[in-house]
Amino acid sequence: MPTKEQGQEQAELGNQARTQRRSVIVGQVLQALGRPATLHRVEVRHLWDDHYRANVYVGANAVSTRVAHSYFVMADEAGNIIASVPDITRKY
């Protein structure tokens, strides 16, 4: 039976893997889309299994941000985007 410490270590490794996967998805979204001049942030939310929602926020400051682009993406274990709806096309 795993000890409490082993369980915590496994949970930390899982969190690190999810964080790394999200970072890879963010990078791929920006690579495909281009970098908006007023980029505020790219938020990637895990929905289920290998499905994610990626929202690209733009705005001069935190008060004026808005979602400029939103994608429903499927990614593999490494975070490589397999498919997106709509397709991510270069805009910037």
Protein backbone atom coordinates (compact mmCIF):
# COMPACT_ATOMS: atom_id res chain seq x y z
CA MET A 1 0.00 0.00 0.00
CA PRO A 2 1.44 3.40 -0.94
CA THR A 3 2.33 5.71 1.89
CA LYS A 4 0.92 9.19 2.24
CA GLU A 5 4.25 10.66 1.09
CA GLN A 6 4.26 8.52 -2.07
CA GLY A 7 0.72 9.66 -2.84
CA GLN A 8 1.75 13.29 -2.45
CA GLU A 9 4.76 12.78 -4.73
CA GLN A 10 2.57 11.19 -7.40
CA ALA A 11 0.07 14.06 -7.13
CA GLU A 12 2.90 16.61 -7.54
CA LEU A 13 4.21 14.79 -10.62
CA GLY A 14 0.69 14.79 -12.07
CA ASN A 15 0.33 18.52 -11.42
CA GLN A 16 3.71 19.21 -13.03
CA ALA A 17 2.74 17.18 -16.09
CA ARG A 18 -0.55 19.07 -16.45
CA THR A 19 1.20 22.42 -16.07
CA GLN A 20 3.80 21.42 -18.66
CA ARG A 21 1.07 20.24 -21.06
CA ARG A 22 -0.79 23.55 -20.71
CA SER A 23 2.42 25.49 -21.37
CA VAL A 24 3.04 23.52 -24.56
CA ILE A 25 -0.54 24.17 -25.71
CA VAL A 26 -0.15 27.91 -25.06
CA GLY A 27 3.06 27.97 -27.09
CA GLN A 28 1.49 26.12 -29.98
CA VAL A 29 -1.57 28.37 -30.03
CA LEU A 30 0.62 31.48 -30.16
CA GLN A 31 2.90 29.93 -32.78
CA ALA A 32 -0.04 29.13 -35.06
CA LEU A 33 -2.02 32.33 -34.37
CA GLY A 34 0.83 34.82 -34.08
CA ARG A 35 1.30 37.21 -31.17
CA PRO A 36 -1.35 39.94 -30.84
CA ALA A 37 0.13 43.39 -30.13
CA THR A 38 -1.98 43.78 -26.99
CA LEU A 39 -1.76 40.18 -25.75
CA HIS A 40 -2.78 39.99 -22.10
CA ARG A 41 -2.73 36.22 -21.54
CA VAL A 42 -3.61 32.84 -22.98
CA GLU A 43 -5.69 30.69 -20.67
CA VAL A 44 -5.87 26.92 -21.20
CA ARG A 45 -8.46 24.97 -19.23
CA HIS A 46 -8.60 21.21 -19.06
CA LEU A 47 -12.12 19.98 -19.81
CA TRP A 48 -11.85 16.18 -19.91
CA ASP A 49 -9.41 13.52 -21.12
CA ASP A 50 -7.42 15.18 -23.91
CA HIS A 51 -9.82 18.10 -24.51
CA TYR A 52 -9.02 21.71 -23.59
CA ARG A 53 -10.42 25.22 -24.06
CA ALA A 54 -7.84 27.85 -25.05
CA ASN A 55 -8.85 31.50 -24.73
CA VAL A 56 -6.63 34.33 -26.01
CA TYR A 57 -7.19 37.56 -24.07
CA VAL A 58 -6.13 40.92 -25.49
CA GLY A 59 -6.30 44.43 -24.06
CA ALA A 60 -4.16 47.34 -23.01
CA ASN A 61 -4.70 46.60 -19.31
CA ALA A 62 -6.55 44.19 -17.01
CA VAL A 63 -9.74 46.28 -17.07
CA SER A 64 -10.03 46.36 -20.85
CA THR A 65 -9.23 42.71 -21.64
CA ARG A 66 -11.53 40.65 -23.83
CA VAL A 67 -11.45 37.21 -25.39
CA ALA A 68 -10.24 37.78 -28.93
CA HIS A 69 -9.94 34.11 -29.89
CA SER A 70 -11.31 30.92 -28.37
CA TYR A 71 -10.47 27.38 -29.42
CA PHE A 72 -11.63 23.93 -28.40
CA VAL A 73 -8.48 21.81 -28.74
CA MET A 74 -7.50 18.19 -28.46
CA ALA A 75 -3.91 17.52 -27.38
CA ASP A 76 -1.77 14.45 -26.88
CA GLU A 77 0.06 13.55 -23.66
CA ALA A 78 2.94 15.90 -24.53
CA GLY A 79 0.56 18.81 -25.19
CA ASN A 80 0.88 18.77 -28.98
CA ILE A 81 -2.34 20.03 -30.53
CA ILE A 82 -3.98 17.29 -32.59
CA ALA A 83 -7.10 19.22 -33.63
CA SER A 84 -8.87 22.48 -32.90
CA VAL A 85 -12.30 23.95 -33.52
CA PRO A 86 -12.18 26.39 -35.16
CA ASP A 87 -8.86 25.82 -36.93
CA ILE A 88 -6.09 28.03 -35.59
CA THR A 89 -4.93 30.24 -38.45
CA ARG A 90 -2.30 32.97 -38.48
CA LYS A 91 -3.85 36.37 -37.78
CA TYR A 92 -0.85 38.35 -36.50
